PDB file of N, CA and C in Angstrom:
ATOM      1  N   UNK A   1      -3.102  84.325 -15.360  1.00  0.00           N
ATOM      2  CA  UNK A   1      -2.844  83.181 -14.497  1.00  0.00           C
ATOM      3  C   UNK A   1      -1.707  82.368 -15.108  1.00  0.00           C
ATOM      4  N   UNK A   2      -1.012  81.654 -14.253  1.00  0.00           N
ATOM      5  CA  UNK A   2       0.174  80.896 -14.641  1.00  0.00           C
ATOM      6  C   UNK A   2       0.074  79.505 -14.011  1.00  0.00           C
ATOM      7  N   UNK A   3       0.525  78.489 -14.727  1.00  0.00           N
ATOM      8  CA  UNK A   3       0.483  77.112 -14.227  1.00  0.00           C
ATOM      9  C   UNK A   3       1.901  76.562 -14.082  1.00  0.00           C
ATOM     10  N   UNK A   4       2.166  76.015 -12.910  1.00  0.00           N
ATOM     11  CA  UNK A   4       3.407  75.283 -12.685  1.00  0.00           C
ATOM     12  C   UNK A   4       3.022  73.806 -12.724  1.00  0.00           C
ATOM     13  N   UNK A   5       3.561  73.079 -13.694  1.00  0.00           N
ATOM     14  CA  UNK A   5       3.215  71.677 -13.904  1.00  0.00           C
ATOM     15  C   UNK A   5       4.465  70.844 -13.660  1.00  0.00           C
ATOM     16  N   UNK A   6       4.335  69.858 -12.774  1.00  0.00           N
ATOM     17  CA  UNK A   6       5.481  69.044 -12.386  1.00  0.00           C
ATOM     18  C   UNK A   6       5.141  67.563 -12.509  1.00  0.00           C
ATOM     19  N   UNK A   7       5.845  66.884 -13.406  1.00  0.00           N
ATOM     20  CA  UNK A   7       5.693  65.428 -13.530  1.00  0.00           C
ATOM     21  C   UNK A   7       6.511  64.767 -12.427  1.00  0.00           C
ATOM     22  N   UNK A   8       6.001  63.650 -11.914  1.00  0.00           N
ATOM     23  CA  UNK A   8       6.743  62.912 -10.896  1.00  0.00           C
ATOM     24  C   UNK A   8       6.480  61.418 -11.043  1.00  0.00           C
ATOM     25  N   UNK A   9       7.337  60.618 -10.407  1.00  0.00           N
ATOM     26  CA  UNK A   9       7.189  59.165 -10.370  1.00  0.00           C
ATOM     27  C   UNK A   9       7.492  58.714  -8.946  1.00  0.00           C
ATOM     28  N   UNK A  10       6.496  58.116  -8.309  1.00  0.00           N
ATOM     29  CA  UNK A  10       6.654  57.608  -6.950  1.00  0.00           C
ATOM     30  C   UNK A  10       7.270  56.206  -6.973  1.00  0.00           C
ATOM     31  N   UNK A  11       8.002  55.894  -5.927  1.00  0.00           N
ATOM     32  CA  UNK A  11       8.532  54.544  -5.763  1.00  0.00           C
ATOM     33  C   UNK A  11       7.361  53.599  -5.501  1.00  0.00           C
ATOM     34  N   UNK A  12       7.500  52.339  -5.919  1.00  0.00           N
ATOM     35  CA  UNK A  12       6.429  51.368  -5.670  1.00  0.00           C
ATOM     36  C   UNK A  12       6.094  51.278  -4.180  1.00  0.00           C
ATOM     37  N   UNK A  13       4.812  51.240  -3.893  1.00  0.00           N
ATOM     38  CA  UNK A  13       4.354  51.074  -2.522  1.00  0.00           C
ATOM     39  C   UNK A  13       4.376  52.331  -1.665  1.00  0.00           C
ATOM     40  N   UNK A  14       4.691  53.486  -2.259  1.00  0.00           N
ATOM     41  CA  UNK A  14       4.818  54.699  -1.443  1.00  0.00           C
ATOM     42  C   UNK A  14       3.626  55.643  -1.557  1.00  0.00           C
ATOM     43  N   UNK A  15       2.651  55.286  -2.364  1.00  0.00           N
ATOM     44  CA  UNK A  15       1.536  56.203  -2.633  1.00  0.00           C
ATOM     45  C   UNK A  15       0.799  56.633  -1.358  1.00  0.00           C
ATOM     46  N   UNK A  16       0.444  55.691  -0.504  1.00  0.00           N
ATOM     47  CA  UNK A  16      -0.319  56.033   0.700  1.00  0.00           C
ATOM     48  C   UNK A  16       0.479  56.922   1.642  1.00  0.00           C
ATOM     49  N   UNK A  17       1.742  56.609   1.844  1.00  0.00           N
ATOM     50  CA  UNK A  17       2.587  57.424   2.735  1.00  0.00           C
ATOM     51  C   UNK A  17       2.794  58.816   2.145  1.00  0.00           C
ATOM     52  N   UNK A  18       2.993  58.900   0.842  1.00  0.00           N
ATOM     53  CA  UNK A  18       3.179  60.205   0.197  1.00  0.00           C
ATOM     54  C   UNK A  18       1.903  61.032   0.264  1.00  0.00           C
ATOM     55  N   UNK A  19       0.759  60.392   0.115  1.00  0.00           N
ATOM     56  CA  UNK A  19      -0.518  61.099   0.211  1.00  0.00           C
ATOM     57  C   UNK A  19      -0.727  61.621   1.629  1.00  0.00           C
ATOM     58  N   UNK A  20      -0.361  60.842   2.626  1.00  0.00           N
ATOM     59  CA  UNK A  20      -0.460  61.293   4.014  1.00  0.00           C
ATOM     60  C   UNK A  20       0.447  62.500   4.243  1.00  0.00           C
ATOM     61  N   UNK A  21       1.648  62.460   3.704  1.00  0.00           N
ATOM     62  CA  UNK A  21       2.580  63.582   3.835  1.00  0.00           C
ATOM     63  C   UNK A  21       2.013  64.817   3.143  1.00  0.00           C
ATOM     64  N   UNK A  22       1.419  64.624   1.973  1.00  0.00           N
ATOM     65  CA  UNK A  22       0.817  65.729   1.232  1.00  0.00           C
ATOM     66  C   UNK A  22      -0.274  66.398   2.067  1.00  0.00           C
ATOM     67  N   UNK A  23      -1.100  65.589   2.708  1.00  0.00           N
ATOM     68  CA  UNK A  23      -2.157  66.136   3.561  1.00  0.00           C
ATOM     69  C   UNK A  23      -1.595  66.904   4.756  1.00  0.00           C
ATOM     70  N   UNK A  24      -0.463  66.450   5.294  1.00  0.00           N
ATOM     71  CA  UNK A  24       0.197  67.162   6.393  1.00  0.00           C
ATOM     72  C   UNK A  24       0.662  68.550   5.951  1.00  0.00           C
ATOM     73  N   UNK A  25       1.051  68.665   4.679  1.00  0.00           N
ATOM     74  CA  UNK A  25       1.620  69.908   4.153  1.00  0.00           C
ATOM     75  C   UNK A  25       0.595  70.804   3.467  1.00  0.00           C
ATOM     76  N   UNK A  26      -0.670  70.435   3.557  1.00  0.00           N
ATOM     77  CA  UNK A  26      -1.721  71.167   2.840  1.00  0.00           C
ATOM     78  C   UNK A  26      -1.682  72.669   3.104  1.00  0.00           C
ATOM     79  N   UNK A  27      -1.638  73.082   4.355  1.00  0.00           N
ATOM     80  CA  UNK A  27      -1.657  74.509   4.669  1.00  0.00           C
ATOM     81  C   UNK A  27      -0.432  75.229   4.106  1.00  0.00           C
ATOM     82  N   UNK A  28       0.711  74.574   4.154  1.00  0.00           N
ATOM     83  CA  UNK A  28       1.941  75.160   3.617  1.00  0.00           C
ATOM     84  C   UNK A  28       1.836  75.326   2.098  1.00  0.00           C
ATOM     85  N   UNK A  29       1.295  74.323   1.423  1.00  0.00           N
ATOM     86  CA  UNK A  29       1.150  74.363  -0.042  1.00  0.00           C
ATOM     87  C   UNK A  29       0.152  75.439  -0.447  1.00  0.00           C
ATOM     88  N   UNK A  30      -1.034  75.403   0.151  1.00  0.00           N
ATOM     89  CA  UNK A  30      -2.068  76.365  -0.210  1.00  0.00           C
ATOM     90  C   UNK A  30      -1.727  77.775   0.248  1.00  0.00           C
ATOM     91  N   UNK A  31      -0.802  77.903   1.184  1.00  0.00           N
ATOM     92  CA  UNK A  31      -0.376  79.203   1.674  1.00  0.00           C
ATOM     93  C   UNK A  31       0.714  79.862   0.849  1.00  0.00           C
ATOM     94  N   UNK A  32       1.190  79.183  -0.193  1.00  0.00           N
ATOM     95  CA  UNK A  32       2.205  79.800  -1.045  1.00  0.00           C
ATOM     96  C   UNK A  32       1.633  81.065  -1.686  1.00  0.00           C
ATOM     97  N   UNK A  33       2.414  82.126  -1.759  1.00  0.00           N
ATOM     98  CA  UNK A  33       1.916  83.355  -2.377  1.00  0.00           C
ATOM     99  C   UNK A  33       1.360  83.107  -3.781  1.00  0.00           C
ATOM    100  N   UNK A  34       0.199  83.690  -4.037  1.00  0.00           N
ATOM    101  CA  UNK A  34      -0.399  83.620  -5.362  1.00  0.00           C
ATOM    102  C   UNK A  34      -1.128  82.336  -5.698  1.00  0.00           C
ATOM    103  N   UNK A  35      -1.139  81.352  -4.782  1.00  0.00           N
ATOM    104  CA  UNK A  35      -1.767  80.058  -5.075  1.00  0.00           C
ATOM    105  C   UNK A  35      -3.270  80.232  -5.294  1.00  0.00           C
ATOM    106  N   UNK A  36      -3.754  79.735  -6.426  1.00  0.00           N
ATOM    107  CA  UNK A  36      -5.169  79.794  -6.759  1.00  0.00           C
ATOM    108  C   UNK A  36      -5.828  78.417  -6.677  1.00  0.00           C
ATOM    109  N   UNK A  37      -5.177  77.417  -7.248  1.00  0.00           N
ATOM    110  CA  UNK A  37      -5.682  76.031  -7.260  1.00  0.00           C
ATOM    111  C   UNK A  37      -4.489  75.088  -7.210  1.00  0.00           C
ATOM    112  N   UNK A  38      -4.712  73.917  -6.628  1.00  0.00           N
ATOM    113  CA  UNK A  38      -3.662  72.902  -6.547  1.00  0.00           C
ATOM    114  C   UNK A  38      -4.279  71.550  -6.866  1.00  0.00           C
ATOM    115  N   UNK A  39      -3.685  70.864  -7.817  1.00  0.00           N
ATOM    116  CA  UNK A  39      -4.144  69.524  -8.190  1.00  0.00           C
ATOM    117  C   UNK A  39      -2.968  68.559  -8.116  1.00  0.00           C
ATOM    118  N   UNK A  40      -3.223  67.368  -7.620  1.00  0.00           N
ATOM    119  CA  UNK A  40      -2.252  66.287  -7.658  1.00  0.00           C
ATOM    120  C   UNK A  40      -2.978  65.104  -8.265  1.00  0.00           C
ATOM    121  N   UNK A  41      -2.474  64.641  -9.406  1.00  0.00           N
ATOM    122  CA  UNK A  41      -3.085  63.496 -10.085  1.00  0.00           C
ATOM    123  C   UNK A  41      -2.031  62.404 -10.212  1.00  0.00           C
ATOM    124  N   UNK A  42      -2.466  61.142 -10.015  1.00  0.00           N
ATOM    125  CA  UNK A  42      -1.518  60.040 -10.038  1.00  0.00           C
ATOM    126  C   UNK A  42      -2.213  58.749 -10.455  1.00  0.00           C
ATOM    127  N   UNK A  43      -1.543  57.982 -11.279  1.00  0.00           N
ATOM    128  CA  UNK A  43      -2.019  56.652 -11.647  1.00  0.00           C
ATOM    129  C   UNK A  43      -1.546  55.631 -10.621  1.00  0.00           C
ATOM    130  N   UNK A  44      -2.100  54.441 -10.702  1.00  0.00           N
ATOM    131  CA  UNK A  44      -1.715  53.355  -9.785  1.00  0.00           C
ATOM    132  C   UNK A  44      -0.229  53.009  -9.875  1.00  0.00           C
ATOM    133  N   UNK A  45       0.406  53.274 -11.037  1.00  0.00           N
ATOM    134  CA  UNK A  45       1.828  52.945 -11.204  1.00  0.00           C
ATOM    135  C   UNK A  45       2.760  53.992 -10.600  1.00  0.00           C
ATOM    136  N   UNK A  46       2.209  55.050  -9.991  1.00  0.00           N
ATOM    137  CA  UNK A  46       3.023  56.068  -9.347  1.00  0.00           C
ATOM    138  C   UNK A  46       3.386  57.256 -10.220  1.00  0.00           C
ATOM    139  N   UNK A  47       3.018  57.217 -11.499  1.00  0.00           N
ATOM    140  CA  UNK A  47       3.251  58.367 -12.376  1.00  0.00           C
ATOM    141  C   UNK A  47       2.173  59.398 -12.128  1.00  0.00           C
ATOM    142  N   UNK A  48       2.583  60.655 -12.031  1.00  0.00           N
ATOM    143  CA  UNK A  48       1.595  61.690 -11.798  1.00  0.00           C
ATOM    144  C   UNK A  48       2.095  63.076 -12.130  1.00  0.00           C
ATOM    145  N   UNK A  49       1.231  64.032 -11.851  1.00  0.00           N
ATOM    146  CA  UNK A  49       1.527  65.447 -12.081  1.00  0.00           C
ATOM    147  C   UNK A  49       0.975  66.260 -10.928  1.00  0.00           C
ATOM    148  N   UNK A  50       1.694  67.310 -10.591  1.00  0.00           N
ATOM    149  CA  UNK A  50       1.177  68.361  -9.737  1.00  0.00           C
ATOM    150  C   UNK A  50       0.934  69.547 -10.652  1.00  0.00           C
ATOM    151  N   UNK A  51      -0.256  70.107 -10.557  1.00  0.00           N
ATOM    152  CA  UNK A  51      -0.615  71.289 -11.338  1.00  0.00           C
ATOM    153  C   UNK A  51      -1.007  72.363 -10.338  1.00  0.00           C
ATOM    154  N   UNK A  52      -0.206  73.399 -10.283  1.00  0.00           N
ATOM    155  CA  UNK A  52      -0.460  74.509  -9.372  1.00  0.00           C
ATOM    156  C   UNK A  52      -0.770  75.744 -10.202  1.00  0.00           C
ATOM    157  N   UNK A  53      -1.946  76.306  -9.994  1.00  0.00           N
ATOM    158  CA  UNK A  53      -2.322  77.539 -10.676  1.00  0.00           C
ATOM    159  C   UNK A  53      -2.044  78.703  -9.738  1.00  0.00           C
ATOM    160  N   UNK A  54      -1.232  79.629 -10.228  1.00  0.00           N
ATOM    161  CA  UNK A  54      -0.858  80.803  -9.436  1.00  0.00           C
ATOM    162  C   UNK A  54      -1.197  82.073 -10.209  1.00  0.00           C
ATOM    163  N   UNK A  55      -1.147  83.190  -9.526  1.00  0.00           N
ATOM    164  CA  UNK A  55      -1.588  84.441 -10.126  1.00  0.00           C
ATOM    165  C   UNK A  55      -0.780  84.833 -11.356  1.00  0.00           C
ATOM    166  N   UNK A  56       0.548  84.646 -11.309  1.00  0.00           N
ATOM    167  CA  UNK A  56       1.376  85.084 -12.433  1.00  0.00           C
ATOM    168  C   UNK A  56       2.745  84.403 -12.393  1.00  0.00           C
ATOM    169  N   UNK A  57       3.471  84.540 -13.474  1.00  0.00           N
ATOM    170  CA  UNK A  57       4.774  83.887 -13.614  1.00  0.00           C
ATOM    171  C   UNK A  57       5.777  84.399 -12.580  1.00  0.00           C
ATOM    172  N   UNK A  58       5.820  85.697 -12.354  1.00  0.00           N
ATOM    173  CA  UNK A  58       6.782  86.256 -11.401  1.00  0.00           C
ATOM    174  C   UNK A  58       6.576  85.678 -10.003  1.00  0.00           C
ATOM    175  N   UNK A  59       5.334  85.552  -9.595  1.00  0.00           N
ATOM    176  CA  UNK A  59       5.031  84.986  -8.280  1.00  0.00           C
ATOM    177  C   UNK A  59       5.437  83.521  -8.231  1.00  0.00           C
ATOM    178  N   UNK A  60       5.156  82.782  -9.287  1.00  0.00           N
ATOM    179  CA  UNK A  60       5.546  81.373  -9.351  1.00  0.00           C
ATOM    180  C   UNK A  60       7.058  81.225  -9.228  1.00  0.00           C
ATOM    181  N   UNK A  61       7.785  82.043  -9.967  1.00  0.00           N
ATOM    182  CA  UNK A  61       9.249  81.970  -9.924  1.00  0.00           C
ATOM    183  C   UNK A  61       9.788  82.384  -8.553  1.00  0.00           C
ATOM    184  N   UNK A  62       9.141  83.360  -7.922  1.00  0.00           N
ATOM    185  CA  UNK A  62       9.566  83.791  -6.587  1.00  0.00           C
ATOM    186  C   UNK A  62       9.342  82.694  -5.545  1.00  0.00           C
ATOM    187  N   UNK A  63       8.420  81.786  -5.815  1.00  0.00           N
ATOM    188  CA  UNK A  63       8.122  80.672  -4.906  1.00  0.00           C
ATOM    189  C   UNK A  63       9.062  79.480  -5.093  1.00  0.00           C
ATOM    190  N   UNK A  64       9.970  79.540  -6.048  1.00  0.00           N
ATOM    191  CA  UNK A  64      10.770  78.369  -6.435  1.00  0.00           C
ATOM    192  C   UNK A  64      11.470  77.695  -5.251  1.00  0.00           C
ATOM    193  N   UNK A  65      12.106  78.463  -4.380  1.00  0.00           N
ATOM    194  CA  UNK A  65      12.817  77.860  -3.242  1.00  0.00           C
ATOM    195  C   UNK A  65      11.843  77.196  -2.266  1.00  0.00           C
ATOM    196  N   UNK A  66      10.716  77.846  -2.022  1.00  0.00           N
ATOM    197  CA  UNK A  66       9.713  77.275  -1.117  1.00  0.00           C
ATOM    198  C   UNK A  66       9.136  75.989  -1.697  1.00  0.00           C
ATOM    199  N   UNK A  67       8.879  75.989  -3.005  1.00  0.00           N
ATOM    200  CA  UNK A  67       8.347  74.795  -3.663  1.00  0.00           C
ATOM    201  C   UNK A  67       9.364  73.655  -3.590  1.00  0.00           C
ATOM    202  N   UNK A  68      10.629  73.959  -3.838  1.00  0.00           N
ATOM    203  CA  UNK A  68      11.681  72.932  -3.749  1.00  0.00           C
ATOM    204  C   UNK A  68      11.758  72.367  -2.329  1.00  0.00           C
ATOM    205  N   UNK A  69      11.584  73.231  -1.342  1.00  0.00           N
ATOM    206  CA  UNK A  69      11.608  72.791   0.053  1.00  0.00           C
ATOM    207  C   UNK A  69      10.439  71.854   0.355  1.00  0.00           C
ATOM    208  N   UNK A  70       9.281  72.154  -0.200  1.00  0.00           N
ATOM    209  CA  UNK A  70       8.120  71.272  -0.009  1.00  0.00           C
ATOM    210  C   UNK A  70       8.378  69.925  -0.674  1.00  0.00           C
ATOM    211  N   UNK A  71       8.877  69.954  -1.918  1.00  0.00           N
ATOM    212  CA  UNK A  71       9.182  68.693  -2.612  1.00  0.00           C
ATOM    213  C   UNK A  71      10.210  67.857  -1.841  1.00  0.00           C
ATOM    214  N   UNK A  72      11.126  68.507  -1.132  1.00  0.00           N
ATOM    215  CA  UNK A  72      12.144  67.773  -0.368  1.00  0.00           C
ATOM    216  C   UNK A  72      11.521  66.843   0.665  1.00  0.00           C
ATOM    217  N   UNK A  73      10.327  67.162   1.128  1.00  0.00           N
ATOM    218  CA  UNK A  73       9.616  66.296   2.077  1.00  0.00           C
ATOM    219  C   UNK A  73       9.227  64.952   1.463  1.00  0.00           C
ATOM    220  N   UNK A  74       9.266  64.859   0.146  1.00  0.00           N
ATOM    221  CA  UNK A  74       8.854  63.651  -0.558  1.00  0.00           C
ATOM    222  C   UNK A  74      10.026  62.854  -1.114  1.00  0.00           C
ATOM    223  N   UNK A  75      11.252  63.253  -0.805  1.00  0.00           N
ATOM    224  CA  UNK A  75      12.443  62.627  -1.386  1.00  0.00           C
ATOM    225  C   UNK A  75      12.462  61.103  -1.213  1.00  0.00           C
ATOM    226  N   UNK A  76      12.053  60.619  -0.055  1.00  0.00           N
ATOM    227  CA  UNK A  76      12.098  59.181   0.193  1.00  0.00           C
ATOM    228  C   UNK A  76      11.060  58.404  -0.629  1.00  0.00           C
ATOM    229  N   UNK A  77      10.063  59.104  -1.159  1.00  0.00           N
ATOM    230  CA  UNK A  77       8.994  58.460  -1.918  1.00  0.00           C
ATOM    231  C   UNK A  77       9.186  58.543  -3.430  1.00  0.00           C
ATOM    232  N   UNK A  78      10.063  59.430  -3.874  1.00  0.00           N
ATOM    233  CA  UNK A  78      10.213  59.708  -5.308  1.00  0.00           C
ATOM    234  C   UNK A  78      11.347  58.920  -5.946  1.00  0.00           C
ATOM    235  N   UNK A  79      11.142  58.514  -7.180  1.00  0.00           N
ATOM    236  CA  UNK A  79      12.211  57.844  -7.919  1.00  0.00           C
ATOM    237  C   UNK A  79      13.268  58.825  -8.397  1.00  0.00           C
ATOM    238  N   UNK A  80      12.888  60.064  -8.656  1.00  0.00           N
ATOM    239  CA  UNK A  80      13.824  61.094  -9.101  1.00  0.00           C
ATOM    240  C   UNK A  80      13.302  62.455  -8.670  1.00  0.00           C
ATOM    241  N   UNK A  81      14.195  63.429  -8.610  1.00  0.00           N
ATOM    242  CA  UNK A  81      13.794  64.792  -8.248  1.00  0.00           C
ATOM    243  C   UNK A  81      12.945  65.380  -9.374  1.00  0.00           C
ATOM    244  N   UNK A  82      11.739  65.832  -9.064  1.00  0.00           N
ATOM    245  CA  UNK A  82      10.892  66.416 -10.105  1.00  0.00           C
ATOM    246  C   UNK A  82      11.362  67.819 -10.485  1.00  0.00           C
ATOM    247  N   UNK A  83      11.158  68.165 -11.744  1.00  0.00           N
ATOM    248  CA  UNK A  83      11.520  69.483 -12.251  1.00  0.00           C
ATOM    249  C   UNK A  83      10.269  70.161 -12.788  1.00  0.00           C
ATOM    250  N   UNK A  84       9.830  71.244 -12.134  1.00  0.00           N
ATOM    251  CA  UNK A  84       8.620  71.923 -12.597  1.00  0.00           C
ATOM    252  C   UNK A  84       8.843  72.679 -13.899  1.00  0.00           C
ATOM    253  N   UNK A  85       7.767  72.813 -14.651  1.00  0.00           N
ATOM    254  CA  UNK A  85       7.756  73.617 -15.869  1.00  0.00           C
ATOM    255  C   UNK A  85       6.605  74.599 -15.749  1.00  0.00           C
ATOM    256  N   UNK A  86       6.763  75.766 -16.348  1.00  0.00           N
ATOM    257  CA  UNK A  86       5.744  76.785 -16.248  1.00  0.00           C
ATOM    258  C   UNK A  86       5.066  77.061 -17.577  1.00  0.00           C
ATOM    259  N   UNK A  87       3.787  77.424 -17.482  1.00  0.00           N
ATOM    260  CA  UNK A  87       2.977  77.681 -18.671  1.00  0.00           C
ATOM    261  C   UNK A  87       2.011  78.822 -18.396  1.00  0.00           C
ATOM    262  N   UNK A  88       1.775  79.635 -19.415  1.00  0.00           N
ATOM    263  CA  UNK A  88       0.707  80.616 -19.333  1.00  0.00           C
ATOM    264  C   UNK A  88      -0.621  79.877 -19.444  1.00  0.00           C
ATOM    265  N   UNK A  89      -1.581  80.252 -18.621  1.00  0.00           N
ATOM    266  CA  UNK A  89      -2.913  79.665 -18.711  1.00  0.00           C
ATOM    267  C   UNK A  89      -3.666  80.412 -19.819  1.00  0.00           C
ATOM    268  N   UNK A  90      -4.007  79.692 -20.866  1.00  0.00           N
ATOM    269  CA  UNK A  90      -4.676  80.291 -22.010  1.00  0.00           C
ATOM    270  C   UNK A  90      -6.188  80.354 -21.771  1.00  0.00           C
ATOM    271  N   UNK A  91      -6.742  79.300 -21.191  1.00  0.00           N
ATOM    272  CA  UNK A  91      -8.178  79.238 -20.894  1.00  0.00           C
ATOM    273  C   UNK A  91      -8.367  78.701 -19.476  1.00  0.00           C
ATOM    274  N   UNK A  92      -9.342  79.220 -18.783  1.00  0.00           N
ATOM    275  CA  UNK A  92      -9.700  78.739 -17.456  1.00  0.00           C
ATOM    276  C   UNK A  92     -11.233  78.763 -17.376  1.00  0.00           C
ATOM    277  N   UNK A  93     -11.859  77.698 -17.776  1.00  0.00           N
ATOM    278  CA  UNK A  93     -13.327  77.620 -17.833  1.00  0.00           C
ATOM    279  C   UNK A  93     -13.897  76.994 -16.610  1.00  0.00           C
TER     280      UNK A  93
END
């Protein structure tokens, strides 16, 4: 298993609108090839992470354009363009 972890920072006051947009895109996100689990965590200050668990690194990398396209839907809510990082999943309990 492979994890794509993306730090982000939302603009002040955009959390509710961004969450609504995220819910609109749920099927598209969960429909990405190899998607196993999807987490979005965020503090009240707008700092957060998206953690996407996918089957393997090759599949994650093949999804890069689709993932960037999904993130583009959040451009008006984000302080900066997020850059995902990938990690091998060592444990999954």
